[in-house]
Amino acid sequence: MKLIYGGLHFKMSMGACRLVAAPNENPPFKVDAMVAEEDTFLVLSADPVVKEPRESLETMIEQINEIRPEVPGSVLVRKNRPLEFLAIVHDLDLEPSWKEEWISGALDQVFREAAARRVRSIALPLLGTTHGSLEAKRAATLLGDALRRGLPGGLQRIWLILPSGIRQHDLDNIESGLKD
């Protein structure tokens, strides 16, 4: 790994893949896929705008009763442009809502999906930190471990989306976690 600093972001090489850490408001490049934290019932990605229902109340109740939770540690793919990888890392019935093994499993699945879909560039937050209380350094360590377990051959660039308001100390911890 080779690290290059520049303001509140950094670049790192892992084999042929380049990881660039930058805030959401400053994308370093266009991506083929974006990863988002999600929960077992897909509440976190739900449209916040309330719309007038098209179905009857009875039909809606039937549909609600048929809903089954997604498996923690899995990834759902929405075929938008860019692709959306929904990493199921939260169960909102639990406190905390995340588990490290779910985050690790989701990261592995993200990279399998990226390989299967020939994704060359991906945007990825530190899973467990966007909607959870996982410390950034630990989340970076889990990401680094996943990258060392199996970086997809076609993946050339990863944009590590940094949380808003990040400080240099936090950035140093993230870098340290990736190298652990």
Protein backbone atom coordinates (compact mmCIF):
# COMPACT_ATOMS: atom_id res chain seq x y z
CA MET A 1 0.00 0.00 0.00
CA LYS A 2 1.23 3.44 -0.92
CA LEU A 3 -0.37 6.49 0.69
CA ILE A 4 -0.57 9.98 -0.84
CA TYR A 5 -2.00 12.84 1.28
CA GLY A 6 -3.68 15.96 -0.03
CA GLY A 7 -5.95 18.01 2.25
CA LEU A 8 -8.70 16.06 4.00
CA HIS A 9 -8.49 13.09 1.65
CA PHE A 10 -5.92 10.49 0.71
CA LYS A 11 -5.06 8.00 -2.02
CA MET A 12 -3.86 4.47 -1.53
CA SER A 13 -2.92 1.69 -3.94
CA MET A 14 -3.79 -1.94 -3.31
CA GLY A 15 -2.33 -3.92 -6.17
CA ALA A 16 -3.82 -2.56 -9.39
CA CYS A 17 -6.70 -0.88 -7.53
CA ARG A 18 -6.54 2.73 -6.37
CA LEU A 19 -8.51 3.77 -3.28
CA VAL A 20 -9.31 7.47 -2.98
CA ALA A 21 -10.86 8.77 0.24
CA ALA A 22 -12.88 11.94 -0.27
CA PRO A 23 -16.04 13.54 1.15
CA ASN A 24 -19.43 12.96 -0.46
CA GLU A 25 -19.57 16.57 -1.63
CA ASN A 26 -16.27 16.19 -3.53
CA PRO A 27 -16.43 13.03 -5.70
CA PRO A 28 -12.97 12.20 -7.08
CA PHE A 29 -14.37 10.34 -10.15
CA LYS A 30 -17.56 8.89 -11.66
CA VAL A 31 -18.49 5.42 -10.43
CA ASP A 32 -20.16 2.35 -11.93
CA ALA A 33 -21.70 1.38 -8.58
CA MET A 34 -22.54 2.99 -5.25
CA VAL A 35 -22.82 1.15 -1.93
CA ALA A 36 -25.30 2.25 0.74
CA GLU A 37 -25.98 1.04 4.28
CA GLU A 38 -29.35 -0.63 4.59
CA ASP A 39 -31.46 -2.45 7.17
CA THR A 40 -33.31 -5.76 6.98
CA PHE A 41 -36.64 -4.13 6.01
CA LEU A 42 -35.12 -1.54 3.62
CA VAL A 43 -36.33 1.37 5.73
CA LEU A 44 -33.11 3.38 5.38
CA SER A 45 -33.44 3.69 1.60
CA ALA A 46 -37.21 4.24 1.57
CA ASP A 47 -38.53 7.31 -0.19
CA PRO A 48 -39.19 9.92 2.53
CA VAL A 49 -42.03 11.45 0.51
CA VAL A 50 -45.44 10.10 1.52
CA LYS A 51 -47.55 9.29 -1.53
CA GLU A 52 -51.23 8.62 -1.96
CA PRO A 53 -51.74 4.83 -2.00
CA ARG A 54 -52.95 3.26 -5.25
CA GLU A 55 -54.13 0.05 -3.61
CA SER A 56 -56.96 -0.61 -1.22
CA LEU A 57 -56.28 -0.88 2.50
CA GLU A 58 -56.87 -4.65 2.35
CA THR A 59 -54.33 -5.05 -0.45
CA MET A 60 -51.77 -2.98 1.44
CA ILE A 61 -52.25 -5.09 4.58
CA GLU A 62 -51.78 -8.27 2.54
CA GLN A 63 -48.59 -6.85 1.02
CA ILE A 64 -47.26 -5.83 4.43
CA ASN A 65 -47.91 -9.32 5.80
CA GLU A 66 -45.90 -10.81 2.92
CA ILE A 67 -42.79 -8.72 3.58
CA ARG A 68 -39.84 -10.75 4.82
CA PRO A 69 -36.66 -9.26 6.22
CA GLU A 70 -33.47 -9.34 4.18
CA VAL A 71 -30.56 -11.36 5.55
CA PRO A 72 -27.97 -9.31 7.47
CA GLY A 73 -24.61 -9.42 5.71
CA SER A 74 -26.19 -9.73 2.28
CA VAL A 75 -26.30 -7.22 -0.58
CA LEU A 76 -29.23 -6.29 -2.81
CA VAL A 77 -28.50 -4.82 -6.23
CA ARG A 78 -30.69 -2.16 -7.80
CA LYS A 79 -30.03 -1.86 -11.51
CA ASN A 80 -29.90 1.93 -11.69
CA ARG A 81 -27.13 4.01 -13.22
CA PRO A 82 -24.87 3.84 -11.36
CA LEU A 83 -25.72 0.43 -9.88
CA GLU A 84 -26.82 0.56 -6.25
CA PHE A 85 -25.48 -2.07 -3.86
CA LEU A 86 -27.59 -2.06 -0.69
CA ALA A 87 -25.44 -3.56 2.07
CA ILE A 88 -27.76 -5.09 4.69
CA VAL A 89 -25.81 -4.28 7.86
CA HIS A 90 -28.57 -3.11 10.23
CA ASP A 91 -31.44 -4.72 12.10
CA LEU A 92 -33.38 -1.80 13.55
CA ASP A 93 -34.89 -4.07 16.24
CA LEU A 94 -31.45 -4.45 17.85
CA GLU A 95 -29.16 -2.13 19.80
CA PRO A 96 -26.68 -1.57 18.36
CA SER A 97 -28.36 -2.18 15.02
CA TRP A 98 -25.21 -3.57 13.37
CA LYS A 99 -22.76 -6.43 13.96
CA GLU A 100 -19.20 -6.61 12.70
CA GLU A 101 -19.83 -10.00 11.07
CA TRP A 102 -22.70 -8.48 9.06
CA ILE A 103 -20.47 -5.66 7.88
CA SER A 104 -17.67 -8.07 6.92
CA GLY A 105 -20.11 -10.34 5.10
CA ALA A 106 -21.65 -7.42 3.24
CA LEU A 107 -18.23 -6.12 2.18
CA ASP A 108 -17.29 -9.54 0.82
CA GLN A 109 -20.62 -9.69 -1.03
CA VAL A 110 -20.11 -6.18 -2.44
CA PHE A 111 -16.80 -7.25 -3.96
CA ARG A 112 -18.33 -10.50 -5.33
CA GLU A 113 -21.15 -8.48 -6.93
CA ALA A 114 -18.63 -5.99 -8.33
CA ALA A 115 -16.65 -8.83 -9.92
CA ALA A 116 -19.76 -10.55 -11.32
CA ARG A 117 -20.98 -7.27 -12.85
CA ARG A 118 -17.54 -6.18 -14.08
CA VAL A 119 -17.63 -2.99 -12.03
CA ARG A 120 -14.48 -0.93 -12.56
CA SER A 121 -15.17 1.87 -10.06
CA ILE A 122 -17.23 1.92 -6.90
CA ALA A 123 -18.23 4.43 -4.19
CA LEU A 124 -18.25 2.97 -0.70
CA PRO A 125 -18.92 4.55 2.71
CA LEU A 126 -17.41 3.11 5.86
CA LEU A 127 -20.18 0.60 6.58
CA GLY A 128 -21.56 0.80 10.09
CA THR A 129 -20.73 4.49 10.47
CA THR A 130 -23.39 6.15 8.29
CA HIS A 131 -26.44 4.90 10.24
CA GLY A 132 -24.60 3.13 13.04
CA SER A 133 -22.18 3.79 15.85
CA LEU A 134 -19.20 1.77 14.61
CA GLU A 135 -15.98 3.76 15.00
CA ALA A 136 -14.43 4.86 11.71
CA LYS A 137 -11.08 3.20 12.44
CA ARG A 138 -12.74 -0.17 13.12
CA ALA A 139 -14.91 0.18 10.00
CA ALA A 140 -11.76 0.93 8.00
CA THR A 141 -10.07 -2.16 9.47
CA LEU A 142 -13.03 -4.33 8.38
CA LEU A 143 -12.80 -2.80 4.89
CA GLY A 144 -9.04 -3.37 4.73
CA ASP A 145 -9.54 -6.99 5.78
CA ALA A 146 -12.19 -7.49 3.07
CA LEU A 147 -9.92 -5.95 0.45
CA ARG A 148 -7.07 -8.27 1.44
CA ARG A 149 -9.43 -11.29 1.32
CA GLY A 150 -10.42 -10.75 -2.26
CA LEU A 151 -10.23 -7.61 -4.34
CA PRO A 152 -12.07 -8.17 -7.64
CA GLY A 153 -9.64 -8.28 -10.58
CA GLY A 154 -11.54 -5.77 -12.72
CA LEU A 155 -12.00 -3.19 -9.95
CA GLN A 156 -9.68 -0.27 -10.68
CA ARG A 157 -10.90 2.50 -8.38
CA ILE A 158 -12.66 2.72 -5.02
CA TRP A 159 -13.99 6.02 -3.73
CA LEU A 160 -14.10 5.71 0.04
CA ILE A 161 -16.83 8.20 0.94
CA LEU A 162 -15.72 10.10 4.02
CA PRO A 163 -18.29 11.33 6.53
CA SER A 164 -19.11 15.05 6.54
CA GLY A 165 -17.14 17.16 8.98
CA ILE A 166 -14.18 14.77 9.10
CA ARG A 167 -11.09 15.99 10.93
CA GLN A 168 -7.44 15.16 10.23
CA HIS A 169 -7.31 13.00 13.37
CA ASP A 170 -10.25 10.93 12.06
CA LEU A 171 -8.58 10.63 8.67
CA ASP A 172 -5.38 9.38 10.32
CA ASN A 173 -7.42 6.73 12.18
CA ILE A 174 -9.12 5.61 8.97
CA GLU A 175 -5.78 5.31 7.21
CA SER A 176 -4.39 3.35 10.15
CA GLY A 177 -7.41 1.02 10.09
CA LEU A 178 -7.00 0.30 6.38
CA LYS A 179 -3.36 -0.67 6.90
CA ASP A 180 -4.00 -2.89 10.00
